[in-house]
N, C-alpha and C. Protein backbone atom coordinates (compact mmCIF):
# COMPACT_ATOMS: atom_id res chain seq x y z
N MET A 1 127.63 126.08 28.74
CA MET A 1 126.86 124.67 29.09
C MET A 1 126.47 124.14 27.63
N PRO A 2 126.53 122.69 27.49
CA PRO A 2 126.35 121.93 26.29
C PRO A 2 124.81 122.39 25.79
N SER A 3 124.58 122.10 24.62
CA SER A 3 123.40 122.30 23.92
C SER A 3 122.39 121.13 24.42
N SER A 4 121.05 121.45 24.39
CA SER A 4 120.06 120.41 24.65
C SER A 4 119.86 119.86 23.62
N HIS A 5 119.51 118.41 23.90
CA HIS A 5 119.11 117.28 22.68
C HIS A 5 118.76 116.00 23.82
N VAL A 6 117.92 115.29 22.92
CA VAL A 6 117.46 114.16 23.42
C VAL A 6 118.41 112.88 22.80
N SER A 7 118.87 112.43 23.81
CA SER A 7 120.03 111.32 23.24
C SER A 7 119.29 110.19 22.54
N PRO A 8 119.54 109.73 21.39
CA PRO A 8 118.88 108.77 20.54
C PRO A 8 119.57 107.37 20.85
N VAL A 9 121.06 107.46 21.02
CA VAL A 9 121.83 106.12 21.38
C VAL A 9 122.15 106.27 22.62
N ARG A 10 122.07 105.32 23.41
CA ARG A 10 122.39 105.30 24.83
C ARG A 10 123.74 104.24 24.90
N LEU A 11 124.46 104.52 25.91
CA LEU A 11 125.79 103.96 26.22
C LEU A 11 125.52 103.14 27.45
N LEU A 12 125.81 101.95 27.64
CA LEU A 12 125.51 101.14 28.64
C LEU A 12 126.95 100.27 28.88
N ASN A 13 127.33 100.18 30.25
CA ASN A 13 128.60 99.38 30.41
C ASN A 13 128.17 98.10 30.31
N GLU A 14 128.93 97.13 30.02
CA GLU A 14 128.62 95.45 30.07
C GLU A 14 128.00 94.90 31.29
N LEU A 15 128.83 95.41 32.10
CA LEU A 15 128.44 94.94 33.56
C LEU A 15 126.89 95.28 34.07
N ASP A 16 126.85 96.36 33.66
CA ASP A 16 125.20 96.94 34.25
C ASP A 16 124.17 96.17 33.29
N HIS A 17 124.80 96.11 32.10
CA HIS A 17 123.69 95.64 31.27
C HIS A 17 123.51 94.21 31.37
N LEU A 18 124.40 93.41 31.97
CA LEU A 18 124.27 92.09 32.33
C LEU A 18 123.28 91.99 33.42
N ARG A 19 123.47 92.82 34.49
CA ARG A 19 122.65 92.94 35.60
C ARG A 19 121.38 93.25 35.33
N LEU A 20 121.19 94.35 34.67
CA LEU A 20 119.71 94.86 34.44
C LEU A 20 119.00 93.65 33.52
N ARG A 21 119.86 92.87 32.72
CA ARG A 21 119.07 92.19 31.80
C ARG A 21 118.21 91.01 32.34
N ARG A 22 118.65 90.79 33.96
CA ARG A 22 118.36 89.83 34.70
C ARG A 22 116.95 90.46 35.54
N LEU A 23 116.75 91.65 35.19
CA LEU A 23 115.43 92.36 36.11
C LEU A 23 114.47 92.41 35.06
N VAL A 24 114.59 92.17 33.78
CA VAL A 24 113.40 92.50 32.91
C VAL A 24 113.08 91.00 32.21
N PRO A 25 112.01 90.91 31.74
CA PRO A 25 111.75 89.99 30.95
C PRO A 25 112.42 89.28 29.80
N PRO A 26 112.32 88.33 28.94
CA PRO A 26 113.33 87.94 28.26
C PRO A 26 113.14 88.93 26.80
N ARG A 27 114.10 89.02 25.85
CA ARG A 27 113.89 90.04 24.84
C ARG A 27 112.78 89.52 24.20
N GLY A 28 112.10 90.67 23.38
CA GLY A 28 110.78 90.80 22.86
C GLY A 28 109.74 91.25 23.83
N ALA A 29 110.13 91.53 25.33
CA ALA A 29 109.36 92.53 26.04
C ALA A 29 109.29 93.81 25.80
N THR A 30 108.33 94.41 26.11
CA THR A 30 107.99 95.80 26.14
C THR A 30 108.41 96.64 27.15
N GLY A 31 108.48 97.85 27.16
CA GLY A 31 108.76 98.78 28.16
C GLY A 31 110.09 99.50 27.98
N PRO A 32 110.11 100.67 28.68
CA PRO A 32 111.50 101.53 28.30
C PRO A 32 112.93 100.97 28.61
N LEU A 33 112.80 100.22 29.61
CA LEU A 33 114.08 99.54 29.96
C LEU A 33 114.31 98.34 29.12
N ALA A 34 113.60 97.52 28.78
CA ALA A 34 113.76 96.36 27.87
C ALA A 34 114.06 96.97 26.52
N GLY A 35 113.38 97.87 26.03
CA GLY A 35 113.66 98.57 24.45
C GLY A 35 115.24 99.24 24.98
N LEU A 36 115.49 99.99 25.96
CA LEU A 36 117.09 100.42 25.95
C LEU A 36 117.98 99.19 25.93
N LEU A 37 117.69 98.33 26.63
CA LEU A 37 118.50 97.10 27.05
C LEU A 37 118.85 96.56 25.42
N ASP A 38 117.97 96.51 24.84
CA ASP A 38 118.05 95.78 23.42
C ASP A 38 118.76 96.80 22.38
N MET A 39 118.66 97.88 22.56
CA MET A 39 118.98 99.05 21.55
C MET A 39 120.47 99.82 22.09
N ALA A 40 120.79 99.62 23.52
CA ALA A 40 122.17 100.19 23.65
C ALA A 40 123.46 99.95 23.09
N ASP A 41 124.27 100.64 22.96
CA ASP A 41 125.84 100.31 22.54
C ASP A 41 126.43 100.15 24.10
N LEU A 42 126.99 98.84 23.79
CA LEU A 42 127.66 98.37 25.08
C LEU A 42 129.13 98.70 25.15
N VAL A 43 129.89 99.14 25.95
CA VAL A 43 131.25 99.24 26.55
C VAL A 43 131.94 98.78 27.54
N LEU A 44 133.03 98.41 27.82
CA LEU A 44 133.33 98.14 28.77
C LEU A 44 133.35 99.04 30.21
N PRO A 45 133.30 98.56 31.41
CA PRO A 45 133.04 99.49 32.41
C PRO A 45 134.19 100.61 32.41
N GLN A 46 135.39 100.13 32.29
CA GLN A 46 136.57 101.16 32.11
C GLN A 46 136.69 102.10 31.15
N ASP A 47 135.89 101.53 29.98
CA ASP A 47 135.88 102.42 28.83
C ASP A 47 134.72 103.45 28.86
N MET A 48 134.08 103.50 29.76
CA MET A 48 132.95 104.24 29.84
C MET A 48 133.31 106.07 30.14
N PRO A 49 132.62 106.91 28.93
CA PRO A 49 132.83 108.09 29.01
C PRO A 49 132.34 108.62 30.50
N PRO A 50 133.26 109.77 30.96
CA PRO A 50 132.47 110.30 32.37
C PRO A 50 131.33 111.19 32.15
N ASP A 51 130.88 111.47 31.03
CA ASP A 51 129.75 112.27 30.91
C ASP A 51 128.29 111.40 30.55
N VAL A 52 128.31 110.17 30.95
CA VAL A 52 127.31 109.34 30.91
C VAL A 52 126.72 108.55 32.22
N ALA A 53 125.39 108.89 32.14
CA ALA A 53 124.53 108.21 33.41
C ALA A 53 124.61 106.98 33.37
N THR A 54 125.38 106.52 34.44
CA THR A 54 125.10 104.86 34.71
C THR A 54 124.73 104.53 35.84
N MET A 55 124.48 103.15 36.21
CA MET A 55 124.09 102.69 37.35
C MET A 55 124.63 103.16 38.63
N ARG A 56 124.16 103.77 39.63
CA ARG A 56 124.58 104.23 40.85
C ARG A 56 125.47 105.56 40.78
N SER A 57 125.01 106.15 39.47
CA SER A 57 125.57 107.60 39.03
C SER A 57 124.96 108.75 40.03
N ARG A 58 125.35 109.58 40.43
CA ARG A 58 124.76 110.73 41.21
C ARG A 58 124.65 112.11 40.44
N LEU A 59 123.30 112.02 40.00
CA LEU A 59 123.07 113.15 38.66
C LEU A 59 122.51 114.53 39.13
N LEU A 60 122.97 115.46 38.77
CA LEU A 60 122.10 116.80 38.71
C LEU A 60 121.35 117.21 37.68
N LEU A 61 120.06 117.23 37.90
CA LEU A 61 119.11 117.27 37.01
C LEU A 61 118.15 118.55 37.10
N GLU A 62 117.93 119.42 35.89
CA GLU A 62 117.12 120.39 35.69
C GLU A 62 115.79 120.15 35.35
N THR A 63 114.65 120.45 35.85
CA THR A 63 113.19 120.22 35.48
C THR A 63 112.83 121.24 34.35
N LEU A 64 112.08 120.61 33.54
CA LEU A 64 111.76 121.51 32.26
C LEU A 64 110.18 121.18 32.28
N PRO A 65 109.82 122.57 32.11
CA PRO A 65 110.14 123.75 32.13
C PRO A 65 110.40 124.17 33.77
N GLY A 66 110.99 125.33 33.81
CA GLY A 66 110.99 125.58 35.21
C GLY A 66 112.16 125.65 35.68
N GLY A 67 113.25 125.04 35.57
CA GLY A 67 114.78 125.10 35.73
C GLY A 67 114.88 124.81 37.22
N GLU A 68 114.09 124.07 38.19
CA GLU A 68 114.42 123.39 39.60
C GLU A 68 115.55 122.42 39.39
N GLN A 69 116.54 122.59 40.13
CA GLN A 69 117.65 121.67 40.23
C GLN A 69 117.56 120.62 41.34
N ARG A 70 117.56 119.46 40.90
CA ARG A 70 117.74 118.34 41.99
C ARG A 70 118.44 117.55 41.60
N THR A 71 119.26 116.56 42.79
CA THR A 71 120.10 115.51 42.61
C THR A 71 119.36 114.27 42.86
N TYR A 72 119.71 113.21 42.12
CA TYR A 72 118.99 111.92 42.21
C TYR A 72 120.41 110.89 42.03
N THR A 73 120.15 109.72 42.53
CA THR A 73 121.17 108.75 42.21
C THR A 73 120.37 107.49 41.58
N LEU A 74 120.65 107.09 40.37
CA LEU A 74 120.12 106.05 39.52
C LEU A 74 120.47 104.96 40.38
N SER A 75 119.39 104.04 40.69
CA SER A 75 119.67 102.68 41.64
C SER A 75 119.05 101.51 40.94
N TYR A 76 119.58 100.38 41.46
CA TYR A 76 118.86 99.07 41.52
C TYR A 76 117.53 99.09 42.23
N PRO A 77 116.75 98.26 42.09
CA PRO A 77 115.54 98.42 42.48
C PRO A 77 115.51 98.11 44.08
N GLU A 78 116.33 97.25 44.46
CA GLU A 78 116.68 96.97 46.03
C GLU A 78 117.32 98.26 46.64
N GLU A 79 117.86 99.06 46.10
CA GLU A 79 118.68 100.23 46.53
C GLU A 79 117.71 101.50 46.55
N ALA A 80 116.71 101.33 45.77
CA ALA A 80 115.88 102.64 45.58
C ALA A 80 115.03 103.10 46.72
N ASP A 81 115.30 104.41 46.94
CA ASP A 81 114.46 105.24 48.20
C ASP A 81 114.26 106.49 47.74
N PRO A 82 113.32 106.83 47.09
CA PRO A 82 112.57 108.09 46.52
C PRO A 82 113.09 109.24 47.42
N ALA A 83 112.51 108.75 48.77
CA ALA A 83 112.75 110.01 49.83
C ALA A 83 114.14 110.26 50.05
N ARG A 84 115.09 109.67 49.56
CA ARG A 84 116.60 109.90 49.64
C ARG A 84 117.32 110.25 48.26
N GLY A 85 116.24 110.07 47.41
CA GLY A 85 116.78 110.59 46.02
C GLY A 85 117.37 109.50 45.27
N ASP A 86 116.97 108.18 45.57
CA ASP A 86 117.58 106.95 44.81
C ASP A 86 116.45 106.69 43.89
N LEU A 87 116.52 106.73 42.54
CA LEU A 87 115.70 106.53 41.87
C LEU A 87 115.78 104.92 41.17
N SER A 88 114.81 104.13 41.19
CA SER A 88 114.76 102.87 40.62
C SER A 88 114.91 103.03 39.24
N VAL A 89 115.83 102.00 38.55
CA VAL A 89 116.25 101.92 37.13
C VAL A 89 114.80 101.24 36.66
N LEU A 90 114.08 100.78 37.22
CA LEU A 90 112.76 100.16 36.59
C LEU A 90 111.56 101.21 36.61
N SER A 91 111.64 102.40 37.30
CA SER A 91 110.93 103.30 37.27
C SER A 91 110.72 104.29 35.67
N PRO A 92 109.79 104.68 35.51
CA PRO A 92 109.72 105.49 34.01
C PRO A 92 110.85 106.52 33.95
N ALA A 93 111.21 107.23 35.04
CA ALA A 93 112.03 108.25 35.28
C ALA A 93 113.59 107.65 35.42
N GLY A 94 113.84 106.65 36.04
CA GLY A 94 115.14 106.07 35.98
C GLY A 94 115.54 105.26 34.70
N ALA A 95 114.66 104.77 34.10
CA ALA A 95 114.69 104.31 32.99
C ALA A 95 115.25 105.05 31.71
N SER A 96 114.53 106.21 31.78
CA SER A 96 114.68 107.48 30.92
C SER A 96 116.04 108.00 31.15
N LEU A 97 116.62 107.85 32.42
CA LEU A 97 117.97 108.57 32.60
C LEU A 97 119.29 107.68 32.39
N LEU A 98 118.90 106.41 32.08
CA LEU A 98 120.24 105.29 32.06
C LEU A 98 120.72 105.75 30.60
N GLY A 99 122.14 105.93 30.73
CA GLY A 99 122.78 106.10 29.43
C GLY A 99 122.68 107.59 28.73
N LEU A 100 122.19 108.37 29.51
CA LEU A 100 121.99 109.81 28.98
C LEU A 100 123.10 110.50 29.15
N THR A 101 123.62 111.38 28.26
CA THR A 101 124.85 112.04 28.41
C THR A 101 124.58 113.59 28.90
N VAL A 102 125.64 114.33 29.67
CA VAL A 102 125.34 115.62 30.01
C VAL A 102 124.90 116.37 28.93
N GLY A 103 123.99 117.21 29.46
CA GLY A 103 123.41 118.22 28.26
C GLY A 103 121.92 117.68 27.66
N SER A 104 121.81 116.29 27.70
CA SER A 104 120.80 115.79 27.01
C SER A 104 119.27 115.76 27.77
N GLU A 105 118.40 115.66 27.45
CA GLU A 105 117.02 115.80 27.90
C GLU A 105 116.53 114.23 27.98
N ALA A 106 115.72 114.08 29.17
CA ALA A 106 114.86 112.57 29.35
C ALA A 106 113.47 113.20 29.35
N ARG A 107 112.64 112.29 28.65
CA ARG A 107 111.32 112.43 28.95
C ARG A 107 110.61 111.17 29.31
N TRP A 108 109.56 111.32 30.02
CA TRP A 108 108.85 110.12 30.31
C TRP A 108 107.35 110.45 30.69
N GLN A 109 106.60 109.33 31.12
CA GLN A 109 105.11 109.63 31.34
C GLN A 109 105.29 108.82 32.63
N SER A 110 104.65 109.50 33.68
CA SER A 110 104.57 108.72 35.08
C SER A 110 103.63 107.61 35.20
N LEU A 111 103.16 106.72 36.05
CA LEU A 111 102.15 106.08 36.10
C LEU A 111 100.81 106.83 36.20
N ASP A 112 100.76 107.95 36.77
CA ASP A 112 99.74 108.62 36.56
C ASP A 112 99.27 109.38 35.40
N GLY A 113 100.17 109.21 34.53
CA GLY A 113 99.88 109.90 33.18
C GLY A 113 100.62 111.28 33.17
N GLN A 114 101.10 111.73 33.82
CA GLN A 114 101.69 113.02 33.61
C GLN A 114 103.10 112.97 32.80
N HIS A 115 103.16 113.89 32.12
CA HIS A 115 104.48 114.16 31.25
C HIS A 115 105.50 114.78 32.03
N HIS A 116 106.94 114.34 32.02
CA HIS A 116 107.90 114.90 32.75
C HIS A 116 108.95 114.95 31.89
N ALA A 117 109.81 116.07 31.93
CA ALA A 117 111.13 116.18 31.24
C ALA A 117 112.08 116.73 32.24
N VAL A 118 113.40 116.29 32.08
CA VAL A 118 114.53 116.85 32.80
C VAL A 118 115.51 117.19 31.87
N ARG A 119 116.57 117.90 32.38
CA ARG A 119 118.14 118.00 31.34
C ARG A 119 119.08 117.51 32.34
N LEU A 120 119.96 116.94 31.94
CA LEU A 120 121.17 116.40 32.92
C LEU A 120 122.26 117.24 32.65
N LEU A 121 122.43 118.09 33.75
CA LEU A 121 123.32 119.19 33.88
C LEU A 121 124.53 118.63 34.19
N ASP A 122 124.75 117.79 35.19
CA ASP A 122 126.31 117.22 35.47
C ASP A 122 126.00 115.82 35.86
N ILE A 123 127.14 115.08 36.06
CA ILE A 123 127.44 113.92 36.65
C ILE A 123 128.20 114.13 38.02
N LEU A 124 127.66 114.02 38.95
CA LEU A 124 128.27 114.49 40.41
C LEU A 124 129.35 113.26 40.92
N TYR A 125 128.77 112.13 40.51
CA TYR A 125 129.67 110.86 40.77
C TYR A 125 129.38 109.78 39.66
N GLN A 126 130.17 109.11 39.21
CA GLN A 126 129.96 108.04 38.25
C GLN A 126 131.00 106.96 38.51
N PRO A 127 130.27 105.80 38.85
CA PRO A 127 131.27 104.59 39.55
C PRO A 127 132.19 104.33 38.54
N GLU A 128 132.08 104.40 37.32
CA GLU A 128 133.03 104.01 36.37
C GLU A 128 134.50 104.89 36.40
N ALA A 129 133.99 106.22 36.45
CA ALA A 129 135.05 107.12 36.71
C ALA A 129 135.68 107.14 37.78
N ALA A 130 135.32 106.62 38.81
CA ALA A 130 135.88 106.52 40.36
C ALA A 130 136.62 105.36 40.42
N GLY A 131 136.47 104.25 39.50
CA GLY A 131 137.11 102.93 39.46
C GLY A 131 136.40 102.15 40.37
N ALA A 132 135.16 102.29 40.45
CA ALA A 132 134.19 101.61 41.67
C ALA A 132 133.08 100.67 40.79
N TRP A 133 133.37 100.23 39.64
CA TRP A 133 132.28 99.83 38.93
C TRP A 133 132.05 98.09 39.20
N ALA A 134 132.93 97.73 39.76
CA ALA A 134 132.80 96.10 40.02
C ALA A 134 131.77 95.71 41.05
N ARG A 135 131.54 96.57 41.71
CA ARG A 135 130.57 96.09 42.91
C ARG A 135 129.24 96.08 42.43
């Protein structure tokens, strides 16, 4: 298994970046997603490495501490359904997962003030790797 680390630089595909930019206020806005969009390294969708969490990726996560494994899909807000495991990228958890690489850790504070951490164990499905990035 890859070593654990918090990923300092995140990769986003250019198409997701454009779509997500429309969801957040203009540059200069605060918040985890706005900051990520401003700082991310961009690549063409077809050049995205298969070990990076992208929009609509199905992710196998391990809670820290504890080790409970859960599967979630990183979703656009209109597709989000937490009961089905579809996390909105606008949520603190969703924003922390975008651009994460396998083996990395994500940390966030939920709206109720609780701190959470997970490790990305695997990417079960990534649209770019499947050639389905255009939708």
